[in-house]
């Protein structure tokens, strides 16, 4: 079997799946990305590079479609070169979110396509209008979000089967596609991501040494922004710090934007804006912005965490939530989809209303003050991950079986 993985930033969600297939004697694996010169052990690497950007001053409703067409044209040109070199995949496993897969069926019409379906954009009723503080009520923005739908719909026409990491993410896609989408999470390596005692961390600039068992509150985003509840978390900090005089707040994340709108032009970043909002009411010596840290350091921080806060709009589920659960963190999460698919309130974590900083601070403070009362809950959090999301025993075997099943079926049009 010949597999082609397509991901703009490969390996992305295929970081375990692609190497697993590459290790099999009866499978050859290639990857198509936008990373020229990057190599992957056991995987034949191909790259495409867009020759130009979007048209200056293009009408906003055409921007998303043009960007995806530019990437699709770039990818299909490289695909033609691959075919000329004799490469013909049996199955294309693609993340269609950036448009690269749209024309691959024209080059390899007999290859079956399995698409990773991460999220389907909606102008109403999901993430875009969830938070009234930042939801744009104007009709033009509603149309802008709706303009992102044509390319994913085209991609659905290209695919033979879909794969989505959570049931809720699957159900953001059109209902008529649900019967041909499997729900399998990317998986968590619970052998290496596990509880560990006796750790310490030195924050040299702050002159602080923290140890396992200290009242450490962790909060992790790729970027510190409203989509992941950074503003709500910051608004909970004054009460947490005032009521617990030794609590230490560890915040991981960049100062950019991953999801949603950028902050108003000419103003502070989201990170700075919400820090400024509470800065005169918090003990700054106990709030530590760590930026983006190496992955082993991130896992070590989770292993030291007394309370881990995870907030999100109804949107893509973060890997960090499941990793924190695997480390037996006490999770204080938002009562939003798809968090509720993983966390059962009072059983393997605590859920609070996304928009209620007072409820969040009360839950965090109780977790810090009564750690023994939550010991069973922390163990249940890890048990959830081991039983339902473990990489080697649950998710990876299911993904491998799915791809082999797709390979064995005759392509349908």
Protein backbone atom coordinates (compact mmCIF):
# COMPACT_ATOMS: atom_id res chain seq x y z
CA UNK A 1 0.00 0.00 0.00
CA UNK A 2 1.24 3.47 -0.90
CA UNK A 3 0.12 6.33 1.34
CA UNK A 4 0.38 10.04 0.75
CA UNK A 5 -0.13 12.34 3.73
CA UNK A 6 -1.05 15.90 2.84
CA UNK A 7 -0.69 18.60 5.48
CA UNK A 8 0.55 22.16 5.11
CA UNK A 9 2.69 21.77 8.24
CA UNK A 10 3.27 18.00 8.16
CA UNK A 11 3.12 15.95 10.31
CA UNK A 12 0.52 17.97 12.24
CA UNK A 13 -2.25 15.64 13.37
CA UNK A 14 -0.44 12.76 11.65
CA UNK A 15 2.62 12.90 13.90
CA UNK A 16 2.05 9.35 15.21
CA UNK A 17 0.07 7.86 12.34
CA UNK A 18 2.51 8.55 9.49
CA UNK A 19 5.59 7.11 11.28
CA UNK A 20 3.56 4.05 12.33
CA UNK A 21 2.79 3.26 8.70
CA UNK A 22 6.36 4.10 7.64
CA UNK A 23 7.58 1.36 9.98
CA UNK A 24 5.45 -1.29 8.23
CA UNK A 25 7.14 -3.48 5.65
CA UNK A 26 4.10 -3.59 3.36
CA UNK A 27 3.57 0.19 3.25
CA UNK A 28 5.44 3.05 1.62
CA UNK A 29 4.75 6.54 2.90
CA UNK A 30 5.16 9.99 1.36
CA UNK A 31 4.24 13.44 2.59
CA UNK A 32 3.25 16.60 0.72
CA UNK A 33 3.67 19.81 2.70
CA UNK A 34 4.69 23.44 2.37
CA UNK A 35 8.06 22.82 4.03
CA UNK A 36 10.81 22.67 1.39
CA UNK A 37 13.93 20.83 2.51
CA UNK A 38 12.35 19.27 5.57
CA UNK A 39 12.94 15.53 5.91
CA UNK A 40 11.14 12.85 7.92
CA UNK A 41 12.64 9.43 8.80
CA UNK A 42 11.28 6.68 6.58
CA UNK A 43 8.98 9.07 4.70
CA UNK A 44 9.53 10.41 1.19
CA UNK A 45 9.11 14.18 1.45
CA UNK A 46 7.65 16.42 -1.23
CA UNK A 47 6.94 20.11 -0.91
CA UNK A 48 5.04 22.74 -2.81
CA UNK A 49 5.59 26.48 -2.60
CA UNK A 50 2.99 29.03 -3.61
CA UNK A 51 4.37 31.36 -6.26
CA UNK A 52 2.35 34.38 -5.14
CA UNK A 53 -0.01 35.65 -2.49
CA UNK A 54 -3.58 36.79 -2.71
CA UNK A 55 -4.55 39.70 -4.93
CA UNK A 56 -4.07 43.08 -3.26
CA UNK A 57 -7.38 44.69 -2.31
CA UNK A 58 -9.36 41.63 -3.35
CA UNK A 59 -13.00 41.79 -2.16
CA UNK A 60 -13.12 40.25 1.33
CA UNK A 61 -15.64 37.60 0.36
CA UNK A 62 -13.20 36.24 -2.25
CA UNK A 63 -10.11 36.18 -0.04
CA UNK A 64 -10.49 32.73 1.51
CA UNK A 65 -11.39 31.07 -1.79
CA UNK A 66 -8.47 32.67 -3.61
CA UNK A 67 -5.98 31.70 -0.90
CA UNK A 68 -7.11 28.07 -1.04
CA UNK A 69 -7.01 28.04 -4.86
CA UNK A 70 -3.44 29.36 -4.80
CA UNK A 71 -2.40 26.53 -2.49
CA UNK A 72 -4.38 23.97 -4.48
CA UNK A 73 -2.69 25.06 -7.71
CA UNK A 74 0.72 24.90 -6.08
CA UNK A 75 0.04 21.45 -4.62
CA UNK A 76 -1.32 20.00 -7.86
CA UNK A 77 1.75 21.16 -9.76
CA UNK A 78 3.97 19.23 -7.35
CA UNK A 79 1.58 16.28 -7.56
CA UNK A 80 2.03 16.20 -11.34
CA UNK A 81 5.79 16.12 -10.83
CA UNK A 82 5.40 13.28 -8.35
CA UNK A 83 3.31 11.32 -10.85
CA UNK A 84 5.91 11.92 -13.57
CA UNK A 85 8.50 10.41 -11.21
CA UNK A 86 6.34 7.30 -10.89
CA UNK A 87 4.63 8.01 -7.58
CA UNK A 88 0.97 7.01 -7.45
CA UNK A 89 -0.66 6.67 -4.03
CA UNK A 90 -3.36 4.16 -3.19
CA UNK A 91 -4.73 6.34 -0.38
CA UNK A 92 -4.38 10.08 0.18
CA UNK A 93 -4.73 11.06 3.84
CA UNK A 94 -5.25 14.82 3.82
CA UNK A 95 -6.01 17.73 6.08
CA UNK A 96 -8.09 19.74 3.60
CA UNK A 97 -8.26 22.89 5.71
CA UNK A 98 -5.84 24.95 3.59
CA UNK A 99 -6.97 23.78 0.15
CA UNK A 100 -4.05 21.59 -0.93
CA UNK A 101 -6.19 18.52 -1.57
CA UNK A 102 -8.77 20.13 -3.86
CA UNK A 103 -7.19 19.08 -7.17
CA UNK A 104 -5.33 15.91 -6.17
CA UNK A 105 -8.14 13.72 -7.51
CA UNK A 106 -7.43 15.17 -10.95
CA UNK A 107 -3.88 13.84 -10.80
CA UNK A 108 -4.65 10.52 -9.10
CA UNK A 109 -8.31 9.74 -9.89
CA UNK A 110 -8.05 6.17 -8.60
CA UNK A 111 -6.54 7.06 -5.23
CA UNK A 112 -8.99 6.97 -2.37
CA UNK A 113 -9.07 9.99 -0.09
CA UNK A 114 -9.44 10.05 3.69
CA UNK A 115 -9.83 13.58 5.04
CA UNK A 116 -9.11 14.83 8.52
CA UNK A 117 -12.19 16.90 9.31
CA UNK A 118 -11.20 19.31 12.04
CA UNK A 119 -13.87 22.01 11.95
CA UNK A 120 -16.52 23.39 9.60
CA UNK A 121 -17.08 27.12 9.90
CA UNK A 122 -20.51 28.52 10.69
CA UNK A 123 -21.53 32.17 10.68
CA UNK A 124 -24.02 31.60 13.51
CA UNK A 125 -24.58 29.25 16.42
CA UNK A 126 -21.07 27.89 17.02
CA UNK A 127 -17.93 29.93 17.80
CA UNK A 128 -18.28 33.14 15.82
CA UNK A 129 -21.14 34.62 17.80
CA UNK A 130 -20.51 32.75 21.06
CA UNK A 131 -18.86 35.54 23.03
CA UNK A 132 -20.96 38.75 22.99
CA UNK A 133 -17.94 40.78 24.08
CA UNK A 134 -16.17 40.09 20.79
CA UNK A 135 -18.87 38.81 18.42
CA UNK A 136 -19.15 41.07 15.41
CA UNK A 137 -22.83 41.79 14.91
CA UNK A 138 -22.44 43.32 11.45
CA UNK A 139 -23.77 41.37 8.50
CA UNK A 140 -20.52 41.77 6.56
CA UNK A 141 -18.66 39.66 9.12
CA UNK A 142 -21.38 37.04 8.99
CA UNK A 143 -20.90 36.83 5.23
CA UNK A 144 -17.11 36.69 5.64
CA UNK A 145 -17.40 33.60 7.83
CA UNK A 146 -19.94 32.03 5.47
CA UNK A 147 -17.53 32.62 2.58
CA UNK A 148 -15.21 30.03 4.14
CA UNK A 149 -17.68 27.22 3.43
CA UNK A 150 -17.36 26.58 -0.35
CA UNK A 151 -13.84 25.10 -0.27
CA UNK A 152 -14.61 22.62 2.57
CA UNK A 153 -17.80 21.60 0.78
CA UNK A 154 -15.77 20.97 -2.38
CA UNK A 155 -13.32 18.94 -0.31
CA UNK A 156 -16.16 16.80 1.04
CA UNK A 157 -17.06 15.98 -2.56
CA UNK A 158 -13.48 14.78 -3.12
CA UNK A 159 -13.20 12.55 -0.06
CA UNK A 160 -14.20 8.89 0.20
CA UNK A 161 -14.27 8.92 3.99
CA UNK A 162 -13.70 11.35 6.83
CA UNK A 163 -11.97 11.25 10.20
CA UNK A 164 -12.78 13.66 13.03
CA UNK A 165 -11.21 13.80 16.52
CA UNK A 166 -14.44 14.38 18.48
CA UNK A 167 -18.13 13.76 17.91
CA UNK A 168 -18.90 17.45 18.23
CA UNK A 169 -16.29 18.45 15.66
CA UNK A 170 -17.76 15.88 13.28
CA UNK A 171 -21.20 17.37 13.81
CA UNK A 172 -20.06 20.84 12.76
CA UNK A 173 -20.02 19.36 9.23
CA UNK A 174 -23.22 19.01 7.18
CA UNK A 175 -25.54 16.36 8.57
CA UNK A 176 -25.65 14.50 5.27
CA UNK A 177 -21.95 13.65 5.65
CA UNK A 178 -22.10 12.22 9.18
CA UNK A 179 -22.60 8.61 8.06
CA UNK A 180 -19.25 8.57 6.32
CA UNK A 181 -17.15 10.16 9.05
CA UNK A 182 -15.41 8.12 11.76
CA UNK A 183 -14.65 9.69 15.15
CA UNK A 184 -11.15 8.78 16.35
CA UNK A 185 -8.98 11.13 18.36
CA UNK A 186 -5.31 11.72 17.50
CA UNK A 187 -4.39 9.99 20.75
CA UNK A 188 -2.23 10.63 23.82
CA UNK A 189 0.96 8.73 24.62
CA UNK A 190 0.02 7.85 28.20
CA UNK A 191 3.25 5.93 28.73
CA UNK A 192 5.32 9.12 28.63
CA UNK A 193 2.61 11.63 29.52
CA UNK A 194 1.85 10.47 33.04
CA UNK A 195 1.98 11.68 36.66
CA UNK A 196 5.43 12.26 38.06
CA UNK A 197 6.34 13.39 41.55
CA UNK A 198 9.39 15.16 42.90
CA UNK A 199 9.78 17.78 40.18
CA UNK A 200 10.95 21.35 40.59
CA UNK A 201 11.22 24.42 38.40
CA UNK A 202 13.35 27.52 38.82
CA UNK A 203 12.06 30.84 37.49
CA UNK A 204 15.32 32.72 37.41
CA UNK A 205 13.96 36.13 36.49
CA UNK A 206 11.40 35.97 39.30
CA UNK A 207 13.83 34.35 41.74
CA UNK A 208 11.31 31.61 42.49
CA UNK A 209 11.79 27.88 42.95
CA UNK A 210 8.62 25.77 42.75
CA UNK A 211 8.22 22.11 43.65
CA UNK A 212 5.66 19.38 43.14
CA UNK A 213 2.91 19.85 45.68
CA UNK A 214 3.07 23.65 45.62
CA UNK A 215 -0.17 25.54 44.83
CA UNK A 216 0.55 25.92 41.11
CA UNK A 217 -2.23 26.95 38.73
CA UNK A 218 -1.53 26.27 35.06
CA UNK A 219 -3.14 27.82 32.00
CA UNK A 220 -2.05 26.90 28.48
CA UNK A 221 -2.91 28.35 25.06
CA UNK A 222 -1.05 28.33 21.78
CA UNK A 223 -1.65 32.08 21.87
CA UNK A 224 -3.25 34.02 24.70
CA UNK A 225 -6.55 35.15 23.18
CA UNK A 226 -10.32 35.19 23.77
CA UNK A 227 -11.09 31.98 21.83
CA UNK A 228 -9.39 30.00 24.59
CA UNK A 229 -10.81 32.07 27.44
CA UNK A 230 -7.68 34.04 28.34
CA UNK A 231 -9.76 37.10 29.21
CA UNK A 232 -11.97 35.09 31.57
CA UNK A 233 -8.95 33.48 33.24
CA UNK A 234 -7.27 36.84 33.81
CA UNK A 235 -10.45 38.25 35.32
CA UNK A 236 -10.51 35.37 37.80
CA UNK A 237 -6.93 36.00 38.96
CA UNK A 238 -7.51 38.90 41.40
CA UNK A 239 -9.78 36.76 43.58
CA UNK A 240 -7.57 33.66 43.32
CA UNK A 241 -4.43 35.56 44.31
CA UNK A 242 -6.17 37.54 47.06
CA UNK A 243 -7.74 34.49 48.67
CA UNK A 244 -4.70 32.19 48.34
CA UNK A 245 -1.56 34.12 49.29
CA UNK A 246 0.91 31.47 48.08
CA UNK A 247 -0.71 30.46 44.77
CA UNK A 248 1.59 30.69 41.76
CA UNK A 249 0.08 31.25 38.30
CA UNK A 250 1.92 29.68 35.36
CA UNK A 251 0.73 30.87 31.94
CA UNK A 252 2.02 29.23 28.76
CA UNK A 253 1.35 30.74 25.35
CA UNK A 254 2.41 33.21 22.72
CA UNK A 255 1.47 36.83 22.19
CA UNK A 256 -0.19 36.39 18.81
CA UNK A 257 -3.50 35.20 17.39
CA UNK A 258 -4.33 31.62 16.41
CA UNK A 259 -8.09 31.83 16.18
CA UNK A 260 -10.64 34.56 15.68
CA UNK A 261 -10.05 38.24 15.15
CA UNK A 262 -6.91 40.18 15.92
CA UNK A 263 -7.14 42.92 18.56
CA UNK A 264 -8.03 46.43 17.39
CA UNK A 265 -5.31 48.01 15.29
CA UNK A 266 -2.99 50.31 17.13
CA UNK A 267 -3.89 48.88 20.52
CA UNK A 268 -2.38 46.34 22.85
CA UNK A 269 -2.20 42.65 22.04
CA UNK A 270 -4.85 40.38 23.57
CA UNK A 271 -2.25 39.22 26.08
CA UNK A 272 -1.35 42.74 27.18
CA UNK A 273 -4.89 44.08 26.99
CA UNK A 274 -6.28 41.68 29.57
CA UNK A 275 -3.18 41.80 31.74
CA UNK A 276 -3.57 45.58 31.86
CA UNK A 277 -7.22 45.14 32.86
CA UNK A 278 -6.28 43.39 36.12
CA UNK A 279 -2.66 44.45 36.71
CA UNK A 280 -3.49 46.87 39.52
CA UNK A 281 -5.41 44.14 41.39
CA UNK A 282 -2.98 41.24 41.34
CA UNK A 283 0.33 40.33 42.94
CA UNK A 284 2.45 40.47 39.78
CA UNK A 285 5.25 38.54 41.49
CA UNK A 286 3.07 35.42 41.43
CA UNK A 287 1.91 35.62 37.81
CA UNK A 288 4.44 34.11 35.43
CA UNK A 289 4.18 34.37 31.64
CA UNK A 290 6.37 31.59 30.28
CA UNK A 291 5.74 32.16 26.56
CA UNK A 292 6.10 29.13 24.31
CA UNK A 293 8.22 26.51 26.05
CA UNK A 294 9.77 23.21 24.86
CA UNK A 295 7.37 20.28 24.91
CA UNK A 296 9.20 18.33 27.66
CA UNK A 297 9.11 21.44 29.87
CA UNK A 298 5.41 21.82 29.14
CA UNK A 299 4.69 18.24 30.22
CA UNK A 300 6.82 18.73 33.32
CA UNK A 301 4.78 21.80 34.19
CA UNK A 302 1.54 19.83 33.88
CA UNK A 303 3.02 17.14 36.14
CA UNK A 304 3.58 19.81 38.80
CA UNK A 305 0.19 21.48 38.41
CA UNK A 306 -2.18 21.61 41.37
CA UNK A 307 -5.03 22.99 39.24
CA UNK A 308 -5.18 23.21 35.44
CA UNK A 309 -7.65 25.62 33.84
CA UNK A 310 -8.95 24.94 30.33
CA UNK A 311 -11.44 27.32 28.74
CA UNK A 312 -12.60 27.45 25.15
CA UNK A 313 -15.28 28.72 22.84
CA UNK A 314 -17.18 25.89 21.09
CA UNK A 315 -14.25 25.05 18.83
CA UNK A 316 -11.50 22.53 18.15
CA UNK A 317 -10.48 20.57 21.27
CA UNK A 318 -6.89 21.27 22.36
CA UNK A 319 -4.40 18.45 22.81
CA UNK A 320 -3.30 20.17 26.02
CA UNK A 321 -6.55 19.30 27.82
CA UNK A 322 -6.08 15.57 27.26
CA UNK A 323 -2.38 15.78 28.11
CA UNK A 324 -3.22 17.52 31.38
CA UNK A 325 -5.75 14.81 32.19
CA UNK A 326 -3.15 12.14 31.43
CA UNK A 327 -0.88 13.82 34.00
CA UNK A 328 -3.66 13.57 36.61
CA UNK A 329 -4.21 17.30 36.75
CA UNK A 330 -7.30 18.62 38.46
CA UNK A 331 -9.14 20.11 35.49
CA UNK A 332 -11.32 23.19 35.86
CA UNK A 333 -12.90 23.50 32.43
CA UNK A 334 -15.58 25.48 30.66
CA UNK A 335 -19.02 23.99 30.19
CA UNK A 336 -18.71 24.20 26.41
CA UNK A 337 -18.49 21.80 23.50
CA UNK A 338 -16.43 19.73 22.95
CA UNK A 339 -15.04 19.88 26.52
CA UNK A 340 -18.24 18.27 27.79
CA UNK A 341 -17.51 15.29 25.55
CA UNK A 342 -14.41 14.52 27.62
CA UNK A 343 -15.11 15.98 31.07
CA UNK A 344 -18.02 14.77 33.16
CA UNK A 345 -18.61 17.41 35.79
CA UNK A 346 -17.81 16.13 39.28
CA UNK A 347 -16.40 12.84 38.00
CA UNK A 348 -13.14 13.48 36.13
CA UNK A 349 -13.07 17.27 36.34
CA UNK A 350 -15.01 20.38 37.26
CA UNK A 351 -16.99 22.41 34.72
CA UNK A 352 -17.95 26.06 35.13
CA UNK A 353 -19.79 28.55 32.97
CA UNK A 354 -17.35 30.04 30.46
CA UNK A 355 -18.46 33.61 31.19
CA UNK A 356 -18.31 33.41 35.00
CA UNK A 357 -14.90 34.45 36.43
CA UNK A 358 -16.30 34.26 39.96
CA UNK A 359 -17.29 30.61 39.51
CA UNK A 360 -13.90 29.90 37.97
CA UNK A 361 -11.99 31.48 40.84
CA UNK A 362 -14.13 29.64 43.42
CA UNK A 363 -13.46 26.30 41.73
CA UNK A 364 -9.73 26.95 41.48
CA UNK A 365 -9.51 28.04 45.12
CA UNK A 366 -11.36 24.96 46.32
CA UNK A 367 -8.99 22.76 44.33
CA UNK A 368 -5.99 24.48 45.88
CA UNK A 369 -7.35 24.36 49.42
CA UNK A 370 -8.65 20.77 49.40
CA UNK A 371 -6.31 18.75 47.18
CA UNK A 372 -7.11 15.46 48.92
CA UNK A 373 -10.81 15.89 48.14
CA UNK A 374 -9.99 15.79 44.44
CA UNK A 375 -7.57 12.89 44.43
CA UNK A 376 -10.14 10.43 43.03
CA UNK A 377 -11.20 12.96 40.39
CA UNK A 378 -7.62 13.39 39.22
CA UNK A 379 -7.20 9.62 38.95
CA UNK A 380 -10.46 9.42 37.01
CA UNK A 381 -9.17 12.05 34.58
CA UNK A 382 -6.17 9.91 33.72
CA UNK A 383 -8.31 6.79 33.56
CA UNK A 384 -10.51 8.50 30.96
CA UNK A 385 -7.50 9.17 28.76
CA UNK A 386 -6.02 5.68 29.18
CA UNK A 387 -9.31 3.96 28.42
CA UNK A 388 -10.61 6.17 25.60
CA UNK A 389 -7.75 8.21 24.15
CA UNK A 390 -4.56 6.20 24.61
CA UNK A 391 -2.39 6.42 21.53
CA UNK A 392 -0.94 2.91 21.33
CA UNK A 393 -3.92 0.83 22.50
CA UNK A 394 -6.95 2.80 21.32
CA UNK A 395 -6.51 5.62 18.83
CA UNK A 396 -3.59 4.54 16.65
CA UNK A 397 -4.89 1.00 16.03
CA UNK A 398 -8.31 2.43 15.15
CA UNK A 399 -6.79 4.94 12.72
CA UNK A 400 -4.63 2.26 11.09
CA UNK A 401 -7.61 -0.03 10.70
CA UNK A 402 -9.64 2.79 9.19
CA UNK A 403 -7.01 3.58 6.57
CA UNK A 404 -6.64 -0.08 5.64
CA UNK A 405 -10.43 -0.28 5.34
CA UNK A 406 -10.46 2.75 3.05
CA UNK A 407 -7.70 1.17 0.96
CA UNK A 408 -9.59 -2.08 0.55
CA UNK A 409 -12.79 -0.47 -0.73
CA UNK A 410 -13.44 0.42 -4.35
CA UNK A 411 -13.41 4.14 -4.99
CA UNK A 412 -16.88 5.65 -5.18
CA UNK A 413 -17.88 8.72 -7.23
